[in-house]
Structure formats: C-alpha cells, structure tokens
Amino acid sequence: MTFPNSAIKRNIAILGECMIELSGAPFATQNQNFGGDTLNTAIYLSRLLPKISPSYVTALGVDNYSNAMIDAWQHEGIDCRFVMRENTKLPGMYAIEIDSQGERSFHYWRNDSAARYMCEHAQFSQIMAQLKAYDLIYLSGISLAILPEHGKIKLIEALANLKTAGCKIAVDSNYRPRLWNGVTHAKTWLSELYRLADIALVTADDEDLLRDEVNTPAPMIAERLHRLGVEQVVVKLGSKGAMWSQAGQQGFIDGNKIKHVVDTTAAGDSFNAAYLAAWAKDLPMAACCQWGNNLAAQVIQHRGAVIPEQCTQYLTDLMSSNYDDK
C-alpha cells in the first residue's frame, strides 16, 4: 500500500474520559487497569503514527491512580499537557464481572469523576483556544454524555469555535443508553454533535438502538448524517466490514475473516484509530476503512481493550515504512 507524498496532518487531539478498571470477583484479588473509549483510540493512533503523539484532553485528580494513568499514557507516546488536574475530584471507576458462561457485566462509579466536570475547570477555555492550531479534534458521544447539561453546552460551544477556526471534528456516537436521560435527550445532543462533525465514524447497531430500529441499511444511516452536515460518514458493520460515504460516492469494504474471535472490546475504538491514522496521511476513505478493519481484526483476537504493543507492531511498521517525514 503506497501513501501520498503530501505532508501528514500532525496535530490531533482526542477528548474524553478514562477510568480506573477493576476486573475479577468482588472481595477477591482484582486486576487494576484503566480504560475508556477515547483513550483506547488515542493509544492505537499513537502506536500507528508515533511521530504524531496525539494529545489527550481530559480531567483527572492529583491522586496516585491519576498519576499512574498519566505515566502509562506518556509511555504510549500520548501528549498529556492538556490533562487537567482537579484537587477535589478523582477518576471514575468501573468493575468488570464475568459469570460462569463468560458473560460480562459492568458496574460504574463515575457520577462525581473529575472528567465529568472538565468543562468547568479553570484551564478548559485556555486549552480549547490552544486547540485552534490543531488539524483534528476527535471525541465520542460518551465524551458528551458524561457531562452535566451546562458542561454539554460549553463543550458544544467550544467545538463550534474550533470548527470556525478551521479544525476538523471527528465523532463516534458510541451510544450508551444508561448515560442519557432517555432517548430524546440523547438524540437532541448527538444531533448537535453531528452538526459540527466533518467525519462520523458510527456503528450501525448504535444508530439502530438510538432510533429503535432494526437492520437499517447503512446507506440510509449515512444519508441521515449527511443531511446534518457531516462530510465523511463511515458506518461500521462488525464482521461485515464498513461502508463509507462522501460527496455522493459510497462503497463497502468487506470485513477481515477471523477464525477465532476472543474479545470484541475496543473493536470500534481501534477501527477509529486506524481510520484517522490513514486519514492523517490523506488516504481515500476506502483505504482508511481497510486500515480500520485491519487493526480491529487484530485487536479482537486478543483479550482486553488495549492489546500488547508487539501485536500491532507490524501495522506500525507498514505505516512507518511509507512515512514521508520531509
């Protein structure tokens, strides 16, 4: 696969929440980690294009858990200068339980997390102003959903200012009903987000759930988002691949054939990372989707959201071997 000779888009910021993750049986030995949809995307994007060093925008506390998160993110090559610290707040937390049939259940403690109040932080406006120099801002519906109503308003206003300044906005709805006060509430705010988006990387199942529909054809989903003003629309179709749509042109990219799927956690997040990495190199949408499929196919063959770095190294090498750093 060859890459265009045009300069890579270097400045990408990702906005969202990362939480402490506990896994294992309650009142027994539990593994501690961290997780979050946008953080997953930031890590995989950093791995694919290490010279970009994507910026992560969030809020954490000043506790040891927050410090450990930042250390781990910096080890992954993520720029943490826009991580706001809050003396009176802590990171959110969630626990994963797995029953005897292998089914997972999640429990969340995030209602008073530092990230929930990031838009109220004294540094928020200053950080948003600095992001005007960026090529792309990426966030998900979860990034918006966790905020109180006044926080949602501030974030939408900040994104509108960034768009006016020339930043591209990329969005994944990542619709999670429990984070919204009903479906009408979610539709209203996600529509506001889509109206600002230049790129929408949505999952067909999420869009159906949001609209209480079943098996809506991907072209119909794309057309609905185009009517809201989105230029590039990608509809992720799971094992079937993805559909892309732009400027009256559409196409389907078949999913990679995987014999043994271990864990689908972060399949969509990793797809988004690889899509944006390819987008940053000015590849056409079809090729961006193929990169998304390739990384997601690798991720779902391992357990956990963030798989060992050596498992994605060959994709990093492939991108790096075509990298024009001049």
C-alpha atoms as a PDB file:
ATOM      1  CA  MET A   1       0.000   0.000   0.000  1.00  0.00           C
ATOM      2  CA  THR A   2       1.504   3.356  -1.012  1.00  0.00           C
ATOM      3  CA  PHE A   3       0.877   6.712   0.615  1.00  0.00           C
ATOM      4  CA  PRO A   4       0.517  10.166  -0.913  1.00  0.00           C
ATOM      5  CA  ASN A   5       3.511  12.498  -0.697  1.00  0.00           C
ATOM      6  CA  SER A   6       1.509  15.275   0.955  1.00  0.00           C
ATOM      7  CA  ALA A   7       2.523  16.319   4.472  1.00  0.00           C
ATOM      8  CA  ILE A   8       0.972  14.335   7.275  1.00  0.00           C
ATOM      9  CA  LYS A   9      -1.614  16.064   9.437  1.00  0.00           C
ATOM     10  CA  ARG A  10       0.312  16.143  12.687  1.00  0.00           C
ATOM     11  CA  ASN A  11      -1.899  17.809  15.269  1.00  0.00           C
ATOM     12  CA  ILE A  12      -4.677  15.543  16.526  1.00  0.00           C
ATOM     13  CA  ALA A  13      -6.391  15.920  19.896  1.00  0.00           C
ATOM     14  CA  ILE A  14      -8.733  13.391  21.473  1.00  0.00           C
ATOM     15  CA  LEU A  15     -11.198  14.426  24.157  1.00  0.00           C
ATOM     16  CA  GLY A  16     -12.925  12.130  26.624  1.00  0.00           C
ATOM     17  CA  GLU A  17     -12.789  10.188  29.870  1.00  0.00           C
ATOM     18  CA  CYS A  18     -10.587   7.387  31.135  1.00  0.00           C
ATOM     19  CA  MET A  19     -11.476   5.425  34.280  1.00  0.00           C
ATOM     20  CA  ILE A  20      -9.860   3.031  36.706  1.00  0.00           C
ATOM     21  CA  GLU A  21     -10.758  -0.534  35.738  1.00  0.00           C
ATOM     22  CA  LEU A  22     -11.156  -3.385  38.216  1.00  0.00           C
ATOM     23  CA  SER A  23     -11.578  -6.917  36.912  1.00  0.00           C
ATOM     24  CA  GLY A  24     -12.141 -10.093  38.882  1.00  0.00           C
ATOM     25  CA  ALA A  25     -14.508 -11.378  41.541  1.00  0.00           C
ATOM     26  CA  PRO A  26     -15.631  -8.943  44.285  1.00  0.00           C
ATOM     27  CA  PHE A  27     -13.730  -9.244  47.583  1.00  0.00           C
ATOM     28  CA  ALA A  28     -11.053 -11.299  45.865  1.00  0.00           C
ATOM     29  CA  THR A  29      -7.829 -10.484  44.082  1.00  0.00           C
ATOM     30  CA  GLN A  30      -8.686  -7.996  41.339  1.00  0.00           C
ATOM     31  CA  ASN A  31      -6.598  -6.706  38.474  1.00  0.00           C
ATOM     32  CA  GLN A  32      -6.251  -2.945  38.234  1.00  0.00           C
ATOM     33  CA  ASN A  33      -6.025  -1.188  34.898  1.00  0.00           C
ATOM     34  CA  PHE A  34      -7.591   1.765  33.162  1.00  0.00           C
ATOM     35  CA  GLY A  35      -9.986   2.089  30.257  1.00  0.00           C
ATOM     36  CA  GLY A  36     -12.063   4.428  28.169  1.00  0.00           C
ATOM     37  CA  ASP A  37     -13.257   4.516  24.572  1.00  0.00           C
ATOM     38  CA  THR A  38     -11.412   7.661  23.504  1.00  0.00           C
ATOM     39  CA  LEU A  39      -8.266   6.680  25.409  1.00  0.00           C
ATOM     40  CA  ASN A  40      -8.234   3.368  23.520  1.00  0.00           C
ATOM     41  CA  THR A  41      -8.357   5.309  20.263  1.00  0.00           C
ATOM     42  CA  ALA A  42      -5.562   7.631  21.408  1.00  0.00           C
ATOM     43  CA  ILE A  43      -3.291   4.702  22.281  1.00  0.00           C
ATOM     44  CA  TYR A  44      -3.777   2.888  18.982  1.00  0.00           C
ATOM     45  CA  LEU A  45      -3.391   6.102  16.991  1.00  0.00           C
ATOM     46  CA  SER A  46      -0.138   6.823  18.819  1.00  0.00           C
ATOM     47  CA  ARG A  47       1.123   3.327  18.064  1.00  0.00           C
ATOM     48  CA  LEU A  48       0.350   3.573  14.359  1.00  0.00           C
ATOM     49  CA  LEU A  49       1.794   7.073  13.964  1.00  0.00           C
ATOM     50  CA  PRO A  50       4.229   7.526  16.861  1.00  0.00           C
ATOM     51  CA  LYS A  51       5.584  10.778  15.425  1.00  0.00           C
ATOM     52  CA  ILE A  52       2.165  12.389  15.820  1.00  0.00           C
ATOM     53  CA  SER A  53       1.954  11.965  19.626  1.00  0.00           C
ATOM     54  CA  PRO A  54      -1.801  12.691  19.828  1.00  0.00           C
ATOM     55  CA  SER A  55      -2.924  14.983  22.631  1.00  0.00           C
ATOM     56  CA  TYR A  56      -5.436  13.671  25.158  1.00  0.00           C
ATOM     57  CA  VAL A  57      -7.845  16.173  26.698  1.00  0.00           C
ATOM     58  CA  THR A  58      -9.473  15.111  29.947  1.00  0.00           C
ATOM     59  CA  ALA A  59      -9.548  15.832  33.674  1.00  0.00           C
ATOM     60  CA  LEU A  60      -8.060  13.734  36.458  1.00  0.00           C
ATOM     61  CA  GLY A  61      -7.349  14.126  40.149  1.00  0.00           C
ATOM     62  CA  VAL A  62      -3.982  14.574  41.830  1.00  0.00           C
ATOM     63  CA  ASP A  63      -4.066  11.109  43.401  1.00  0.00           C
ATOM     64  CA  ASN A  64      -1.726   8.208  42.732  1.00  0.00           C
ATOM     65  CA  TYR A  65      -4.222   6.489  40.410  1.00  0.00           C
ATOM     66  CA  SER A  66      -4.320   9.614  38.238  1.00  0.00           C
ATOM     67  CA  ASN A  67      -0.526   9.875  38.307  1.00  0.00           C
ATOM     68  CA  ALA A  68      -0.186   6.240  37.248  1.00  0.00           C
ATOM     69  CA  MET A  69      -2.606   6.798  34.346  1.00  0.00           C
ATOM     70  CA  ILE A  70      -0.580   9.732  33.035  1.00  0.00           C
ATOM     71  CA  ASP A  71       2.656   7.770  33.335  1.00  0.00           C
ATOM     72  CA  ALA A  72       1.136   4.915  31.310  1.00  0.00           C
ATOM     73  CA  TRP A  73      -0.245   7.263  28.652  1.00  0.00           C
ATOM     74  CA  GLN A  74       3.077   9.030  28.240  1.00  0.00           C
ATOM     75  CA  HIS A  75       4.752   5.640  27.874  1.00  0.00           C
ATOM     76  CA  GLU A  76       2.378   5.043  24.946  1.00  0.00           C
ATOM     77  CA  GLY A  77       3.541   8.302  23.350  1.00  0.00           C
ATOM     78  CA  ILE A  78       0.449  10.346  24.210  1.00  0.00           C
ATOM     79  CA  ASP A  79       0.860  14.075  24.810  1.00  0.00           C
ATOM     80  CA  CYS A  80      -0.636  14.776  28.266  1.00  0.00           C
ATOM     81  CA  ARG A  81      -0.145  18.548  28.518  1.00  0.00           C
ATOM     82  CA  PHE A  82      -3.920  19.068  28.190  1.00  0.00           C
ATOM     83  CA  VAL A  83      -4.812  16.725  31.049  1.00  0.00           C
ATOM     84  CA  MET A  84      -6.412  18.998  33.638  1.00  0.00           C
ATOM     85  CA  ARG A  85      -5.858  18.174  37.315  1.00  0.00           C
ATOM     86  CA  GLU A  86      -8.524  18.745  39.957  1.00  0.00           C
ATOM     87  CA  ASN A  87      -7.643  18.766  43.659  1.00  0.00           C
ATOM     88  CA  THR A  88     -11.126  17.813  44.866  1.00  0.00           C
ATOM     89  CA  LYS A  89     -12.019  15.094  42.334  1.00  0.00           C
ATOM     90  CA  LEU A  90     -10.921  11.572  41.455  1.00  0.00           C
ATOM     91  CA  PRO A  91     -11.044   9.476  38.269  1.00  0.00           C
ATOM     92  CA  GLY A  92     -14.183   7.468  37.631  1.00  0.00           C
ATOM     93  CA  MET A  93     -14.057   3.738  38.187  1.00  0.00           C
ATOM     94  CA  TYR A  94     -15.718   0.656  36.794  1.00  0.00           C
ATOM     95  CA  ALA A  95     -15.614  -3.036  37.573  1.00  0.00           C
ATOM     96  CA  ILE A  96     -15.992  -5.972  35.216  1.00  0.00           C
ATOM     97  CA  GLU A  97     -17.540  -9.230  36.407  1.00  0.00           C
ATOM     98  CA  ILE A  98     -17.534 -12.371  34.281  1.00  0.00           C
ATOM     99  CA  ASP A  99     -20.031 -15.136  35.057  1.00  0.00           C
ATOM    100  CA  SER A 100     -19.616 -18.891  34.585  1.00  0.00           C
ATOM    101  CA  GLN A 101     -20.859 -18.601  30.974  1.00  0.00           C
ATOM    102  CA  GLY A 102     -18.286 -15.940  30.158  1.00  0.00           C
ATOM    103  CA  GLU A 103     -20.832 -13.098  30.030  1.00  0.00           C
ATOM    104  CA  ARG A 104     -19.543  -9.751  31.257  1.00  0.00           C
ATOM    105  CA  SER A 105     -21.361  -7.217  33.433  1.00  0.00           C
ATOM    106  CA  PHE A 106     -20.169  -3.719  34.281  1.00  0.00           C
ATOM    107  CA  HIS A 107     -20.573  -1.539  37.356  1.00  0.00           C
ATOM    108  CA  TYR A 108     -19.719   2.172  37.217  1.00  0.00           C
ATOM    109  CA  TRP A 109     -18.755   4.838  39.747  1.00  0.00           C
ATOM    110  CA  ARG A 110     -18.345   7.979  37.664  1.00  0.00           C
ATOM    111  CA  ASN A 111     -21.059  10.468  38.699  1.00  0.00           C
ATOM    112  CA  ASP A 112     -18.562  12.691  40.506  1.00  0.00           C
ATOM    113  CA  SER A 113     -15.480  11.993  38.408  1.00  0.00           C
ATOM    114  CA  ALA A 114     -13.009  14.728  37.511  1.00  0.00           C
ATOM    115  CA  ALA A 115     -13.719  14.207  33.787  1.00  0.00           C
ATOM    116  CA  ARG A 116     -17.411  14.919  34.310  1.00  0.00           C
ATOM    117  CA  TYR A 117     -16.501  18.483  35.279  1.00  0.00           C
ATOM    118  CA  MET A 118     -13.691  19.112  32.801  1.00  0.00           C
ATOM    119  CA  CYS A 119     -15.604  21.954  31.131  1.00  0.00           C
ATOM    120  CA  GLU A 120     -15.780  23.783  34.478  1.00  0.00           C
ATOM    121  CA  HIS A 121     -12.031  23.564  35.016  1.00  0.00           C
ATOM    122  CA  ALA A 122     -10.151  26.869  35.120  1.00  0.00           C
ATOM    123  CA  GLN A 123      -7.899  25.722  32.261  1.00  0.00           C
ATOM    124  CA  PHE A 124     -10.644  24.495  29.923  1.00  0.00           C
ATOM    125  CA  SER A 125     -11.101  27.707  27.912  1.00  0.00           C
ATOM    126  CA  GLN A 126      -7.347  28.169  27.566  1.00  0.00           C
ATOM    127  CA  ILE A 127      -6.913  24.614  26.320  1.00  0.00           C
ATOM    128  CA  MET A 128      -9.735  24.976  23.809  1.00  0.00           C
ATOM    129  CA  ALA A 129      -8.060  28.125  22.483  1.00  0.00           C
ATOM    130  CA  GLN A 130      -4.779  26.250  22.014  1.00  0.00           C
ATOM    131  CA  LEU A 131      -6.579  23.509  20.081  1.00  0.00           C
ATOM    132  CA  LYS A 132      -7.389  26.027  17.327  1.00  0.00           C
ATOM    133  CA  ALA A 133      -3.951  25.202  15.939  1.00  0.00           C
ATOM    134  CA  TYR A 134      -4.879  21.519  15.597  1.00  0.00           C
ATOM    135  CA  ASP A 135      -5.866  19.707  12.411  1.00  0.00           C
ATOM    136  CA  LEU A 136      -8.416  17.376  14.017  1.00  0.00           C
ATOM    137  CA  ILE A 137     -10.388  17.002  17.246  1.00  0.00           C
ATOM    138  CA  TYR A 138     -11.887  13.566  17.949  1.00  0.00           C
ATOM    139  CA  LEU A 139     -14.476  12.708  20.592  1.00  0.00           C
ATOM    140  CA  SER A 140     -17.330  10.297  21.168  1.00  0.00           C
ATOM    141  CA  GLY A 141     -20.902  10.527  22.340  1.00  0.00           C
ATOM    142  CA  ILE A 142     -19.668   9.273  25.706  1.00  0.00           C
ATOM    143  CA  SER A 143     -17.386  12.320  25.958  1.00  0.00           C
ATOM    144  CA  LEU A 144     -20.530  14.457  25.738  1.00  0.00           C
ATOM    145  CA  ALA A 145     -22.914  12.205  27.671  1.00  0.00           C
ATOM    146  CA  ILE A 146     -20.940  12.183  30.919  1.00  0.00           C
ATOM    147  CA  LEU A 147     -21.089  15.986  31.241  1.00  0.00           C
ATOM    148  CA  PRO A 148     -23.821  17.838  33.170  1.00  0.00           C
ATOM    149  CA  GLU A 149     -26.112  19.934  30.973  1.00  0.00           C
ATOM    150  CA  HIS A 150     -24.131  23.159  31.380  1.00  0.00           C
ATOM    151  CA  GLY A 151     -20.977  21.201  30.557  1.00  0.00           C
ATOM    152  CA  LYS A 152     -22.574  19.899  27.365  1.00  0.00           C
ATOM    153  CA  ILE A 153     -23.411  23.457  26.350  1.00  0.00           C
ATOM    154  CA  LYS A 154     -19.858  24.660  26.985  1.00  0.00           C
ATOM    155  CA  LEU A 155     -18.352  21.770  25.038  1.00  0.00           C
ATOM    156  CA  ILE A 156     -20.622  22.261  22.018  1.00  0.00           C
ATOM    157  CA  GLU A 157     -19.823  25.978  22.011  1.00  0.00           C
ATOM    158  CA  ALA A 158     -16.093  25.240  22.227  1.00  0.00           C
ATOM    159  CA  LEU A 159     -16.280  22.736  19.358  1.00  0.00           C
ATOM    160  CA  ALA A 160     -18.188  25.248  17.232  1.00  0.00           C
ATOM    161  CA  ASN A 161     -15.404  27.791  17.798  1.00  0.00           C
ATOM    162  CA  LEU A 162     -12.779  25.209  16.850  1.00  0.00           C
ATOM    163  CA  LYS A 163     -14.648  24.360  13.674  1.00  0.00           C
ATOM    164  CA  THR A 164     -14.846  28.051  12.779  1.00  0.00           C
ATOM    165  CA  ALA A 165     -11.087  28.261  13.307  1.00  0.00           C
ATOM    166  CA  GLY A 166     -10.602  25.527  10.697  1.00  0.00           C
ATOM    167  CA  CYS A 167     -10.298  22.389  12.854  1.00  0.00           C
ATOM    168  CA  LYS A 168     -11.884  19.207  11.576  1.00  0.00           C
ATOM    169  CA  ILE A 169     -14.183  17.433  14.032  1.00  0.00           C
ATOM    170  CA  ALA A 170     -14.485  13.636  14.084  1.00  0.00           C
ATOM    171  CA  VAL A 171     -17.179  11.856  16.106  1.00  0.00           C
ATOM    172  CA  ASP A 172     -18.224   8.345  17.083  1.00  0.00           C
ATOM    173  CA  SER A 173     -21.678   8.338  18.698  1.00  0.00           C
ATOM    174  CA  ASN A 174     -20.846   5.340  20.924  1.00  0.00           C
ATOM    175  CA  TYR A 175     -24.433   5.490  22.162  1.00  0.00           C
ATOM    176  CA  ARG A 176     -24.825   4.126  25.701  1.00  0.00           C
ATOM    177  CA  PRO A 177     -28.441   4.498  26.920  1.00  0.00           C
ATOM    178  CA  ARG A 178     -27.535   4.476  30.619  1.00  0.00           C
ATOM    179  CA  LEU A 179     -25.593   7.739  30.213  1.00  0.00           C
ATOM    180  CA  TRP A 180     -28.570   9.709  28.895  1.00  0.00           C
ATOM    181  CA  ASN A 181     -31.877  10.862  30.384  1.00  0.00           C
ATOM    182  CA  GLY A 182     -33.873   8.975  27.785  1.00  0.00           C
ATOM    183  CA  VAL A 183     -33.612   8.545  24.054  1.00  0.00           C
ATOM    184  CA  THR A 184     -34.955  12.025  23.216  1.00  0.00           C
ATOM    185  CA  HIS A 185     -32.235  13.573  25.354  1.00  0.00           C
ATOM    186  CA  ALA A 186     -29.595  11.531  23.527  1.00  0.00           C
ATOM    187  CA  LYS A 187     -30.967  12.298  20.060  1.00  0.00           C
ATOM    188  CA  THR A 188     -31.018  16.029  20.773  1.00  0.00           C
ATOM    189  CA  TRP A 189     -27.425  16.272  21.933  1.00  0.00           C
ATOM    190  CA  LEU A 190     -25.962  13.781  19.465  1.00  0.00           C
ATOM    191  CA  SER A 191     -27.617  15.702  16.635  1.00  0.00           C
ATOM    192  CA  GLU A 192     -25.879  18.849  17.892  1.00  0.00           C
ATOM    193  CA  LEU A 193     -22.600  16.948  17.833  1.00  0.00           C
ATOM    194  CA  TYR A 194     -23.186  15.581  14.334  1.00  0.00           C
ATOM    195  CA  ARG A 195     -23.943  19.085  13.020  1.00  0.00           C
ATOM    196  CA  LEU A 196     -20.398  20.056  13.952  1.00  0.00           C
ATOM    197  CA  ALA A 197     -18.773  16.867  12.677  1.00  0.00           C
ATOM    198  CA  ASP A 198     -16.765  16.647   9.468  1.00  0.00           C
ATOM    199  CA  ILE A 199     -16.213  12.909   9.995  1.00  0.00           C
ATOM    200  CA  ALA A 200     -18.698  10.498  11.601  1.00  0.00           C
ATOM    201  CA  LEU A 201     -17.458   7.006  12.456  1.00  0.00           C
ATOM    202  CA  VAL A 202     -20.644   5.341  13.670  1.00  0.00           C
ATOM    203  CA  THR A 203     -21.714   1.777  14.382  1.00  0.00           C
ATOM    204  CA  ALA A 204     -24.889   0.538  12.700  1.00  0.00           C
ATOM    205  CA  ASP A 205     -26.072  -1.203  15.884  1.00  0.00           C
ATOM    206  CA  ASP A 206     -25.697   2.009  17.903  1.00  0.00           C
ATOM    207  CA  GLU A 207     -27.665   4.015  15.355  1.00  0.00           C
ATOM    208  CA  ASP A 208     -30.440   1.404  15.336  1.00  0.00           C
ATOM    209  CA  LEU A 209     -30.570   1.369  19.131  1.00  0.00           C
ATOM    210  CA  LEU A 210     -30.754   5.145  19.243  1.00  0.00           C
ATOM    211  CA  ARG A 211     -33.703   5.197  16.861  1.00  0.00           C
ATOM    212  CA  ASP A 212     -35.401   1.965  17.943  1.00  0.00           C
ATOM    213  CA  GLU A 213     -34.837   0.482  14.503  1.00  0.00           C
ATOM    214  CA  VAL A 214     -33.560  -2.881  13.307  1.00  0.00           C
ATOM    215  CA  ASN A 215     -31.123  -3.538  10.458  1.00  0.00           C
ATOM    216  CA  THR A 216     -31.371  -0.064   8.945  1.00  0.00           C
ATOM    217  CA  PRO A 217     -29.437  -0.148   5.642  1.00  0.00           C
ATOM    218  CA  ALA A 218     -26.077   1.553   6.001  1.00  0.00           C
ATOM    219  CA  PRO A 219     -26.737   3.967   3.098  1.00  0.00           C
ATOM    220  CA  MET A 220     -29.823   5.248   4.932  1.00  0.00           C
ATOM    221  CA  ILE A 221     -27.790   5.856   8.074  1.00  0.00           C
ATOM    222  CA  ALA A 222     -25.179   7.692   6.021  1.00  0.00           C
ATOM    223  CA  GLU A 223     -27.781   9.827   4.268  1.00  0.00           C
ATOM    224  CA  ARG A 224     -29.309  10.842   7.604  1.00  0.00           C
ATOM    225  CA  LEU A 225     -25.905  12.015   8.837  1.00  0.00           C
ATOM    226  CA  HIS A 226     -25.097  13.803   5.582  1.00  0.00           C
ATOM    227  CA  ARG A 227     -28.334  15.785   5.995  1.00  0.00           C
ATOM    228  CA  LEU A 228     -26.978  17.012   9.341  1.00  0.00           C
ATOM    229  CA  GLY A 229     -23.898  18.311   7.536  1.00  0.00           C
ATOM    230  CA  VAL A 230     -21.358  15.500   8.005  1.00  0.00           C
ATOM    231  CA  GLU A 231     -18.974  15.324   5.033  1.00  0.00           C
ATOM    232  CA  GLN A 232     -17.411  11.877   5.578  1.00  0.00           C
ATOM    233  CA  VAL A 233     -19.571   9.099   7.025  1.00  0.00           C
ATOM    234  CA  VAL A 234     -18.386   5.626   7.927  1.00  0.00           C
ATOM    235  CA  VAL A 235     -20.900   3.029   9.109  1.00  0.00           C
ATOM    236  CA  LYS A 236     -19.180   0.168  10.920  1.00  0.00           C
ATOM    237  CA  LEU A 237     -20.894  -3.182  10.333  1.00  0.00           C
ATOM    238  CA  GLY A 238     -18.997  -5.515  12.648  1.00  0.00           C
ATOM    239  CA  SER A 239     -17.727  -8.657  10.968  1.00  0.00           C
ATOM    240  CA  LYS A 240     -19.295  -7.485   7.690  1.00  0.00           C
ATOM    241  CA  GLY A 241     -16.838  -4.608   7.436  1.00  0.00           C
ATOM    242  CA  ALA A 242     -17.754  -0.980   6.854  1.00  0.00           C
ATOM    243  CA  MET A 243     -19.485   1.342   4.429  1.00  0.00           C
ATOM    244  CA  TRP A 244     -18.046   4.736   3.511  1.00  0.00           C
ATOM    245  CA  SER A 245     -19.880   7.688   2.003  1.00  0.00           C
ATOM    246  CA  GLN A 246     -18.737  11.090   0.764  1.00  0.00           C
ATOM    247  CA  ALA A 247     -19.829  13.613  -1.865  1.00  0.00           C
ATOM    248  CA  GLY A 248     -22.381  11.299  -3.453  1.00  0.00           C
ATOM    249  CA  GLN A 249     -19.997   8.345  -3.621  1.00  0.00           C
ATOM    250  CA  GLN A 250     -20.283   5.221  -1.478  1.00  0.00           C
ATOM    251  CA  GLY A 251     -18.581   1.901  -1.098  1.00  0.00           C
ATOM    252  CA  PHE A 252     -18.377  -1.205   1.104  1.00  0.00           C
ATOM    253  CA  ILE A 253     -15.165  -2.672   2.477  1.00  0.00           C
ATOM    254  CA  ASP A 254     -15.507  -6.319   3.497  1.00  0.00           C
ATOM    255  CA  GLY A 255     -14.510  -7.312   6.988  1.00  0.00           C
ATOM    256  CA  ASN A 256     -11.399  -9.393   7.586  1.00  0.00           C
ATOM    257  CA  LYS A 257     -12.036 -13.111   8.015  1.00  0.00           C
ATOM    258  CA  ILE A 258     -11.169 -14.095  11.574  1.00  0.00           C
ATOM    259  CA  LYS A 259     -11.441 -17.733  12.600  1.00  0.00           C
ATOM    260  CA  HIS A 260     -11.344 -17.229  16.352  1.00  0.00           C
ATOM    261  CA  VAL A 261     -12.681 -14.043  17.943  1.00  0.00           C
ATOM    262  CA  VAL A 262     -11.502 -13.756  21.554  1.00  0.00           C
ATOM    263  CA  ASP A 263     -12.845 -10.378  22.722  1.00  0.00           C
ATOM    264  CA  THR A 264     -14.582  -7.615  20.750  1.00  0.00           C
ATOM    265  CA  THR A 265     -13.791  -4.937  23.340  1.00  0.00           C
ATOM    266  CA  ALA A 266     -12.427  -1.796  21.628  1.00  0.00           C
ATOM    267  CA  ALA A 267     -13.035  -3.110  18.122  1.00  0.00           C
ATOM    268  CA  GLY A 268     -14.740   0.142  17.188  1.00  0.00           C
ATOM    269  CA  ASP A 269     -12.235   2.292  19.082  1.00  0.00           C
ATOM    270  CA  SER A 270      -9.293   0.668  17.293  1.00  0.00           C
ATOM    271  CA  PHE A 271     -11.063   0.925  13.913  1.00  0.00           C
ATOM    272  CA  ASN A 272     -11.425   4.655  14.531  1.00  0.00           C
ATOM    273  CA  ALA A 273      -7.739   4.999  15.414  1.00  0.00           C
ATOM    274  CA  ALA A 274      -6.553   3.285  12.249  1.00  0.00           C
ATOM    275  CA  TYR A 275      -9.069   5.183  10.110  1.00  0.00           C
ATOM    276  CA  LEU A 276      -7.810   8.503  11.492  1.00  0.00           C
ATOM    277  CA  ALA A 277      -4.171   7.456  11.067  1.00  0.00           C
ATOM    278  CA  ALA A 278      -4.823   6.742   7.401  1.00  0.00           C
ATOM    279  CA  TRP A 279      -6.868   9.949   7.085  1.00  0.00           C
ATOM    280  CA  ALA A 280      -3.891  11.854   8.503  1.00  0.00           C
ATOM    281  CA  LYS A 281      -1.866  10.516   5.572  1.00  0.00           C
ATOM    282  CA  ASP A 282      -4.518  11.708   3.103  1.00  0.00           C
ATOM    283  CA  LEU A 283      -5.590   8.250   2.042  1.00  0.00           C
ATOM    284  CA  PRO A 284      -9.017   7.891   0.386  1.00  0.00           C
ATOM    285  CA  MET A 285     -11.933   6.747   2.521  1.00  0.00           C
ATOM    286  CA  ALA A 286     -11.911   3.195   1.196  1.00  0.00           C
ATOM    287  CA  ALA A 287      -8.280   2.739   2.209  1.00  0.00           C
ATOM    288  CA  CYS A 288      -8.939   4.372   5.591  1.00  0.00           C
ATOM    289  CA  CYS A 289     -11.703   1.822   6.194  1.00  0.00           C
ATOM    290  CA  GLN A 290      -9.401  -1.032   5.233  1.00  0.00           C
ATOM    291  CA  TRP A 291      -6.842   0.162   7.765  1.00  0.00           C
ATOM    292  CA  GLY A 292      -9.654   0.300  10.325  1.00  0.00           C
ATOM    293  CA  ASN A 293     -10.653  -3.270   9.524  1.00  0.00           C
ATOM    294  CA  ASN A 294      -7.057  -4.475   9.741  1.00  0.00           C
ATOM    295  CA  LEU A 295      -6.412  -3.070  13.201  1.00  0.00           C
ATOM    296  CA  ALA A 296      -9.804  -4.072  14.605  1.00  0.00           C
ATOM    297  CA  ALA A 297      -9.277  -7.618  13.300  1.00  0.00           C
ATOM    298  CA  GLN A 298      -6.009  -7.799  15.204  1.00  0.00           C
ATOM    299  CA  VAL A 299      -7.491  -6.387  18.419  1.00  0.00           C
ATOM    300  CA  ILE A 300     -10.421  -8.826  18.616  1.00  0.00           C
ATOM    301  CA  GLN A 301      -8.041 -11.789  18.543  1.00  0.00           C
ATOM    302  CA  HIS A 302      -6.726 -10.813  21.990  1.00  0.00           C
ATOM    303  CA  ARG A 303      -8.270 -10.244  25.379  1.00  0.00           C
ATOM    304  CA  GLY A 304      -8.777  -6.697  26.595  1.00  0.00           C
ATOM    305  CA  ALA A 305      -9.230  -3.260  25.066  1.00  0.00           C
ATOM    306  CA  VAL A 306      -5.534  -2.477  24.696  1.00  0.00           C
ATOM    307  CA  ILE A 307      -3.573  -5.454  23.409  1.00  0.00           C
ATOM    308  CA  PRO A 308       0.209  -5.898  23.750  1.00  0.00           C
ATOM    309  CA  GLU A 309       2.175  -3.469  21.628  1.00  0.00           C
ATOM    310  CA  GLN A 310       4.020  -6.217  19.773  1.00  0.00           C
ATOM    311  CA  CYS A 311       0.680  -7.431  18.407  1.00  0.00           C
ATOM    312  CA  THR A 312       0.202  -4.202  16.461  1.00  0.00           C
ATOM    313  CA  GLN A 313       3.844  -3.634  15.554  1.00  0.00           C
ATOM    314  CA  TYR A 314       3.583  -4.970  12.013  1.00  0.00           C
ATOM    315  CA  LEU A 315       0.884  -2.396  11.215  1.00  0.00           C
ATOM    316  CA  THR A 316       3.019   0.348  12.724  1.00  0.00           C
ATOM    317  CA  ASP A 317       5.968  -0.816  10.641  1.00  0.00           C
ATOM    318  CA  LEU A 318       3.840  -0.809   7.492  1.00  0.00           C
ATOM    319  CA  MET A 319       2.775   2.777   8.090  1.00  0.00           C
ATOM    320  CA  SER A 320       6.247   3.882   9.110  1.00  0.00           C
ATOM    321  CA  SER A 321       7.866   2.323   6.043  1.00  0.00           C
ATOM    322  CA  ASN A 322       5.738   4.621   3.874  1.00  0.00           C
ATOM    323  CA  TYR A 323       6.145   7.667   6.108  1.00  0.00           C
ATOM    324  CA  ASP A 324       7.363  10.853   4.405  1.00  0.00           C
ATOM    325  CA  ASP A 325       8.830  12.979   7.195  1.00  0.00           C
ATOM    326  CA  LYS A 326      10.125  15.754   4.990  1.00  0.00           C
END
